[in-house]
Protein backbone atom coordinates (compact mmCIF):
# COMPACT_ATOMS: atom_id res chain seq x y z
CA MET A 1 -84.46 -114.40 -49.90
CA PRO A 2 -83.72 -110.76 -50.29
CA GLY A 3 -80.72 -109.46 -48.17
CA ILE A 4 -79.27 -112.98 -47.66
CA ALA A 5 -75.89 -113.65 -49.15
CA HIS A 6 -75.31 -116.96 -50.70
CA ALA A 7 -71.58 -116.77 -51.06
CA ARG A 8 -68.99 -114.91 -49.41
CA ARG A 9 -66.67 -114.18 -52.13
CA VAL A 10 -67.38 -114.30 -56.00
CA ARG A 11 -64.82 -113.81 -58.95
CA VAL A 12 -66.10 -113.43 -62.36
CA SER A 13 -64.43 -112.72 -65.74
CA ALA A 14 -66.05 -111.30 -68.83
CA PRO A 15 -64.42 -111.39 -72.30
CA GLY A 16 -63.95 -108.33 -74.48
CA GLY A 17 -64.96 -108.46 -78.02
CA ILE A 18 -65.61 -106.46 -81.21
CA GLY A 19 -68.45 -103.96 -81.42
CA ASN A 20 -69.63 -102.12 -84.55
CA MET A 21 -68.82 -105.66 -86.41
CA GLY A 22 -68.16 -104.05 -89.91
CA PRO A 23 -71.27 -102.28 -91.02
CA GLY A 24 -73.17 -103.14 -87.76
CA LEU A 25 -72.58 -99.76 -85.88
CA ASP A 26 -74.06 -100.25 -82.53
CA VAL A 27 -76.02 -103.23 -83.48
CA LEU A 28 -73.65 -106.17 -84.26
CA GLY A 29 -70.96 -107.36 -81.78
CA CYS A 30 -69.23 -110.62 -80.79
CA ALA A 31 -67.29 -111.94 -77.74
CA ILE A 32 -63.69 -112.77 -78.33
CA THR A 33 -61.54 -115.51 -76.48
CA GLY A 34 -58.44 -114.55 -74.67
CA ALA A 35 -58.30 -111.23 -72.73
CA ALA A 36 -60.91 -110.68 -70.38
CA ASP A 37 -61.84 -108.29 -67.22
CA THR A 38 -62.11 -109.93 -64.00
CA VAL A 39 -64.04 -108.55 -61.02
CA GLU A 40 -63.94 -110.02 -57.59
CA LEU A 41 -66.61 -109.19 -54.93
CA GLU A 42 -66.36 -109.96 -51.23
CA TRP A 43 -68.62 -109.33 -48.24
CA SER A 44 -67.06 -107.51 -45.52
CA ASP A 45 -67.69 -106.52 -42.01
CA GLU A 46 -65.88 -103.24 -42.34
CA SER A 47 -67.62 -100.07 -42.02
CA TYR A 48 -67.32 -97.31 -44.61
CA ALA A 49 -69.60 -94.84 -46.33
CA THR A 50 -70.55 -96.58 -49.61
CA ALA A 51 -72.02 -99.94 -50.28
CA ILE A 52 -68.84 -100.83 -52.12
CA ARG A 53 -65.18 -100.12 -51.47
CA ILE A 54 -62.95 -100.49 -54.40
CA ALA A 55 -59.76 -101.98 -53.09
CA ASP A 56 -58.37 -102.42 -56.64
CA PRO A 57 -59.66 -100.73 -59.63
CA GLY A 58 -57.79 -103.00 -61.87
CA HIS A 59 -55.55 -100.27 -63.62
CA PRO A 60 -53.86 -97.04 -62.16
CA ASP A 61 -55.89 -94.90 -64.63
CA LEU A 62 -59.14 -96.33 -63.35
CA PRO A 63 -61.15 -94.47 -60.62
CA THR A 64 -61.74 -95.97 -57.18
CA ASP A 65 -64.94 -94.01 -56.63
CA PRO A 66 -67.59 -96.74 -57.02
CA ALA A 67 -69.81 -94.19 -58.68
CA ARG A 68 -67.42 -93.94 -61.62
CA HIS A 69 -66.23 -97.30 -62.15
CA ALA A 70 -68.12 -99.52 -64.58
CA ALA A 71 -67.82 -102.67 -62.63
CA SER A 72 -69.19 -101.04 -59.29
CA ILE A 73 -71.86 -99.07 -61.18
CA ALA A 74 -73.31 -102.25 -62.52
CA ALA A 75 -72.87 -104.27 -59.37
CA LEU A 76 -74.85 -101.59 -57.53
CA ALA A 77 -77.52 -101.64 -60.28
CA VAL A 78 -78.10 -105.32 -59.71
CA LEU A 79 -78.17 -104.92 -55.92
CA ASP A 80 -80.87 -102.28 -56.36
CA ALA A 81 -82.83 -104.19 -58.86
CA SER A 82 -82.80 -107.29 -56.62
CA GLY A 83 -84.37 -105.38 -53.78
CA SER A 84 -81.72 -106.80 -51.45
CA ARG A 85 -80.97 -104.73 -48.44
CA PRO A 86 -77.83 -106.44 -47.03
CA LYS A 87 -76.34 -105.13 -43.76
CA ARG A 88 -72.73 -105.64 -44.75
CA CYS A 89 -70.61 -103.75 -47.52
CA LEU A 90 -68.57 -105.25 -50.21
CA VAL A 91 -64.94 -104.97 -51.20
CA MET A 92 -64.21 -105.01 -55.05
CA ARG A 93 -61.05 -105.89 -56.63
CA ALA A 94 -60.70 -105.83 -60.36
CA LYS A 95 -58.18 -107.04 -62.82
CA LYS A 96 -57.93 -105.43 -66.11
CA GLY A 97 -57.09 -107.65 -69.01
CA LEU A 98 -58.35 -105.43 -71.73
CA PRO A 99 -56.67 -102.40 -72.78
CA LEU A 100 -58.19 -99.04 -71.78
CA SER A 101 -59.62 -96.99 -74.72
CA GLY A 102 -58.46 -99.92 -77.01
CA GLY A 103 -61.69 -100.72 -78.73
CA GLN A 104 -61.95 -104.36 -77.39
CA GLY A 105 -64.95 -103.63 -75.20
CA GLY A 106 -63.20 -103.14 -71.91
CA SER A 107 -65.57 -100.91 -70.26
CA ALA A 108 -68.46 -103.28 -71.20
CA ALA A 109 -66.61 -106.25 -70.00
CA SER A 110 -65.86 -104.62 -66.51
CA ALA A 111 -69.76 -103.75 -66.30
CA VAL A 112 -70.75 -107.24 -67.23
CA ALA A 113 -68.34 -108.97 -64.71
CA GLY A 114 -69.62 -106.58 -61.93
CA ALA A 115 -73.26 -107.36 -62.67
CA VAL A 116 -72.66 -111.21 -62.78
CA ALA A 117 -70.51 -111.07 -59.57
CA MET A 118 -73.18 -109.27 -57.56
CA ASN A 119 -75.87 -111.55 -58.91
CA ALA A 120 -73.85 -114.57 -57.78
CA LEU A 121 -73.33 -113.08 -54.35
CA LEU A 122 -77.16 -112.73 -54.02
CA GLY A 123 -78.06 -116.29 -55.09
CA ALA A 124 -78.72 -115.30 -58.80
CA PRO A 125 -82.02 -113.45 -58.22
CA LEU A 126 -81.79 -111.54 -61.69
CA ASP A 127 -82.27 -113.10 -65.17
CA GLU A 128 -80.10 -112.36 -68.19
CA LEU A 129 -82.19 -109.46 -69.39
CA ALA A 130 -82.03 -107.91 -65.97
CA LEU A 131 -78.34 -108.25 -66.02
CA LEU A 132 -78.09 -106.75 -69.28
CA LEU A 133 -79.87 -103.78 -68.28
CA ALA A 134 -77.71 -103.22 -65.27
CA ALA A 135 -74.62 -103.57 -67.48
CA LEU A 136 -75.98 -101.35 -70.00
CA ASP A 137 -76.71 -98.62 -67.61
CA ALA A 138 -73.14 -98.86 -66.32
CA GLU A 139 -71.81 -98.68 -69.76
CA SER A 140 -74.01 -95.74 -70.53
CA THR A 141 -72.10 -93.82 -67.75
CA VAL A 142 -68.72 -94.27 -69.10
CA ALA A 143 -68.82 -94.86 -72.76
CA GLY A 144 -72.39 -94.17 -73.98
CA ARG A 145 -75.61 -96.05 -74.33
CA HIS A 146 -74.97 -98.97 -76.76
CA ALA A 147 -75.22 -102.82 -76.23
CA ASP A 148 -72.96 -104.29 -79.04
CA ASN A 149 -70.24 -104.82 -76.55
CA VAL A 150 -72.20 -105.46 -73.33
CA ALA A 151 -74.59 -108.25 -74.65
CA PRO A 152 -72.01 -110.51 -76.21
CA SER A 153 -69.67 -110.14 -73.13
CA LEU A 154 -72.41 -111.46 -71.12
CA LEU A 155 -74.06 -113.83 -73.45
CA GLY A 156 -71.25 -115.01 -75.59
CA GLY A 157 -71.17 -115.56 -79.26
CA VAL A 158 -72.35 -113.07 -81.95
CA VAL A 159 -75.22 -110.74 -80.90
CA LEU A 160 -77.72 -108.49 -82.89
CA VAL A 161 -78.95 -105.67 -80.85
CA ARG A 162 -82.47 -105.29 -82.59
CA ALA A 163 -83.48 -102.36 -80.08
CA LEU A 164 -82.28 -100.63 -77.07
CA ASP A 165 -85.75 -99.18 -75.75
CA PRO A 166 -87.00 -101.84 -74.87
CA LEU A 167 -83.85 -103.93 -74.92
CA ASP A 168 -83.98 -106.83 -77.39
CA VAL A 169 -81.01 -108.86 -78.41
CA VAL A 170 -80.60 -111.83 -80.58
CA ARG A 171 -77.97 -114.37 -80.41
CA LEU A 172 -76.79 -115.20 -84.03
CA PRO A 173 -75.26 -118.53 -85.38
CA PHE A 174 -71.76 -118.40 -86.58
CA PRO A 175 -69.32 -120.75 -88.39
CA ARG A 176 -67.17 -122.37 -85.67
CA GLU A 177 -64.01 -122.34 -87.91
CA LEU A 178 -63.96 -118.61 -88.04
CA ARG A 179 -60.71 -116.97 -86.59
CA VAL A 180 -60.19 -113.32 -85.55
CA ALA A 181 -56.86 -111.48 -85.98
CA LEU A 182 -56.89 -108.52 -83.67
CA VAL A 183 -54.23 -105.85 -84.00
CA GLN A 184 -53.76 -103.26 -81.34
CA PRO A 185 -51.78 -100.20 -82.33
CA MET A 186 -50.02 -98.55 -79.39
CA GLN A 187 -52.29 -95.68 -79.16
CA ARG A 188 -55.53 -94.80 -77.22
CA LEU A 189 -58.69 -93.47 -78.83
CA ARG A 190 -61.60 -92.34 -76.47
CA THR A 191 -64.94 -93.58 -77.48
CA ALA A 192 -66.40 -90.09 -77.00
CA ASP A 193 -63.76 -88.82 -79.41
CA SER A 194 -64.44 -91.74 -81.81
CA ARG A 195 -68.08 -91.28 -81.72
CA ALA A 196 -67.81 -87.37 -82.09
CA VAL A 197 -66.79 -87.78 -85.71
CA LEU A 198 -69.75 -89.85 -86.75
CA PRO A 199 -72.15 -88.07 -89.15
CA SER A 200 -75.45 -86.90 -87.88
CA SER A 201 -77.03 -88.06 -91.13
CA VAL A 202 -76.02 -90.13 -94.19
CA PRO A 203 -77.31 -90.00 -97.85
CA ARG A 204 -79.97 -92.47 -98.71
CA ALA A 205 -77.85 -94.49 -100.93
CA VAL A 206 -75.30 -95.06 -98.21
CA LEU A 207 -78.08 -96.06 -95.66
CA VAL A 208 -79.45 -98.68 -98.23
CA GLN A 209 -76.03 -100.16 -98.73
CA GLN A 210 -75.19 -100.22 -95.02
CA SER A 211 -78.62 -101.95 -94.21
CA ALA A 212 -77.92 -104.45 -97.07
CA ASN A 213 -74.39 -105.07 -95.63
CA VAL A 214 -75.72 -105.70 -92.23
CA ALA A 215 -78.40 -108.08 -93.48
CA ALA A 216 -75.73 -110.03 -95.50
CA MET A 217 -73.41 -110.40 -92.52
CA VAL A 218 -76.22 -111.90 -90.67
CA ALA A 219 -76.83 -114.33 -93.59
CA ALA A 220 -73.38 -115.07 -94.13
CA LEU A 221 -72.64 -115.98 -90.36
CA ALA A 222 -75.85 -118.14 -90.24
CA SER A 223 -74.91 -119.98 -93.41
CA GLY A 224 -71.18 -120.09 -93.09
CA ASP A 225 -70.84 -118.48 -96.43
CA LEU A 226 -67.22 -117.01 -95.98
CA ASP A 227 -67.41 -115.43 -99.45
CA LEU A 228 -70.49 -113.57 -98.72
CA LEU A 229 -68.98 -112.57 -95.25
CA ARG A 230 -66.07 -111.11 -97.19
CA ARG A 231 -68.43 -109.10 -99.47
CA ALA A 232 -70.70 -107.95 -96.52
CA LEU A 233 -68.03 -106.65 -94.20
CA ASP A 234 -68.07 -103.09 -95.64
CA ASP A 235 -68.72 -100.10 -93.42
CA ARG A 236 -69.84 -97.14 -95.23
CA VAL A 237 -70.63 -94.87 -92.16
CA ALA A 238 -68.17 -95.23 -89.35
CA GLU A 239 -64.86 -96.56 -90.85
CA PRO A 240 -64.49 -93.78 -93.49
CA VAL A 241 -64.62 -91.03 -90.78
CA ARG A 242 -62.65 -92.84 -88.14
CA ALA A 243 -59.74 -94.16 -90.30
CA PRO A 244 -58.05 -90.66 -90.46
CA LEU A 245 -58.00 -90.72 -86.54
CA LEU A 246 -55.99 -94.11 -86.62
CA ARG A 247 -52.55 -93.67 -88.20
CA GLY A 248 -51.51 -96.78 -90.20
CA PHE A 249 -55.08 -98.35 -90.34
CA THR A 250 -55.69 -97.90 -94.06
CA ASP A 251 -52.59 -99.60 -94.93
CA ALA A 252 -52.98 -102.25 -92.28
CA LYS A 253 -56.31 -103.05 -93.96
CA ALA A 254 -55.02 -103.16 -97.38
CA ALA A 255 -52.33 -105.65 -96.00
CA ALA A 256 -54.85 -107.78 -94.44
CA LEU A 257 -56.94 -108.11 -97.40
CA ALA A 258 -53.93 -108.89 -99.55
CA ALA A 259 -53.05 -111.63 -97.15
CA GLY A 260 -56.45 -113.33 -97.78
CA ALA A 261 -58.56 -111.90 -94.82
CA LEU A 262 -62.31 -112.27 -94.81
CA GLY A 263 -62.90 -108.57 -94.43
CA CYS A 264 -61.21 -106.20 -92.11
CA SER A 265 -62.30 -103.22 -90.02
CA ILE A 266 -62.02 -101.10 -86.94
CA SER A 267 -62.89 -102.75 -83.65
CA GLY A 268 -65.47 -100.88 -81.64
CA ALA A 269 -64.46 -97.27 -81.49
CA GLY A 270 -60.78 -98.04 -82.30
CA PRO A 271 -57.87 -98.21 -82.27
CA THR A 272 -57.87 -101.94 -82.62
CA SER A 273 -58.54 -103.31 -85.92
CA PHE A 274 -59.72 -106.74 -86.74
CA ALA A 275 -59.76 -109.05 -89.60
CA PHE A 276 -61.58 -112.42 -90.06
CA ALA A 277 -59.90 -115.50 -91.25
CA SER A 278 -60.85 -119.15 -91.96
CA ASP A 279 -58.27 -120.92 -89.97
CA ASP A 280 -55.26 -120.33 -87.39
CA ALA A 281 -52.62 -120.20 -90.03
CA SER A 282 -54.40 -117.69 -92.19
CA ALA A 283 -55.24 -115.54 -89.14
CA ALA A 284 -51.43 -115.67 -88.00
CA ARG A 285 -50.40 -114.67 -91.45
CA ILE A 286 -52.90 -111.80 -91.82
CA ALA A 287 -51.98 -110.47 -88.30
CA LEU A 288 -48.31 -110.53 -89.18
CA ALA A 289 -48.85 -108.41 -92.17
CA MET A 290 -51.07 -105.99 -90.58
CA ARG A 291 -48.33 -105.54 -87.95
CA GLY A 292 -45.76 -104.98 -90.57
CA ALA A 293 -48.11 -102.23 -92.29
CA TYR A 294 -48.35 -100.46 -88.85
CA ALA A 295 -44.54 -100.61 -88.38
CA ALA A 296 -44.06 -99.05 -91.78
CA ALA A 297 -46.27 -96.26 -90.80
CA GLY A 298 -44.17 -95.77 -87.71
CA VAL A 299 -46.72 -97.29 -85.36
CA ASP A 300 -45.93 -100.29 -83.08
CA ALA A 301 -48.67 -102.78 -82.66
CA GLU A 302 -49.45 -105.91 -80.63
CA THR A 303 -51.13 -108.93 -82.34
CA ARG A 304 -53.13 -111.91 -81.19
CA VAL A 305 -55.38 -114.73 -82.95
CA ALA A 306 -58.49 -115.50 -81.27
CA ARG A 307 -61.86 -117.11 -81.88
CA ILE A 308 -65.38 -116.18 -81.12
CA ASP A 309 -66.09 -116.87 -77.49
CA ASP A 310 -69.37 -118.71 -77.21
CA ARG A 311 -69.52 -118.73 -73.17
CA GLY A 312 -69.64 -115.09 -72.46
CA ALA A 313 -69.21 -114.05 -68.65
CA ARG A 314 -68.38 -116.93 -66.11
CA VAL A 315 -68.07 -117.37 -62.50
CA GLU A 316 -64.48 -118.58 -61.90
CA ASN A 317 -64.42 -118.89 -58.22
CA GLU A 318 -67.25 -118.76 -55.57
CA THR A 319 -66.51 -119.19 -51.96
CA ALA A 320 -69.36 -120.37 -49.69
CA GLY A 321 -70.47 -118.48 -46.67
CA THR A 322 -72.92 -115.90 -45.35
């Protein structure tokens, strides 16, 4: 029933991931195991001016204004879409497991966690599509309107965003043995700055090749053809103009390919880069080679080996009550 809280407190985690997978600018993304953003929402009898008070934004650099934090924006969108009119307010506490401006889908994960947490508090009145729209609206406010991070963070796996208006997303099959080497250089790159260098138009030959590479990636993931995946992970649009913003990336990519990577590119808007591998040992070797290349360029970097996260956002804890 609208306006009735089915839980007193809910904590949700949502994984980060890789947006713009290779040639899939704004259309291909995947969720990654490991680091995640966590949002906790709790009903409160406190009296304050807004529907949500942010007790902990998750990071000192994130806003405590609920109109500017991705998680609270998404939560409020779910509340509005549900038609609920609760008489109590909410306290939000976030934990930022993903880097700020790191190219690992951090703002999308926060938005998804906020949306799912609010939906759980209300007894899950919204379906997946409505939750996606709420999280997409929040992501649009802080990082631009694109769903290649939001959709996999919510749904898990690899996702193709066929269209935004109306929103149409497709979960894609992928080989379970696929591993990901993620390398995060110690720098920040704002999504707005990274998107500012994208070309407003591209030559027809580039468009044709980029389209062929996206189609080949979908086919490679579905069939498990890792050699085709290697050939298809070739971005002709975003990577050439973003690479100059990322000191050491070109050498790190060369090192990854020399170490046997199944392709390598920039994760999301950067600065994190990723490389695919066929097993854990190969991924660890590739990550080490990439970190060494960054070090040679005078850039410190952190690495981790992960898998594609097939679960997406999850409720970690739910305390009953009204």
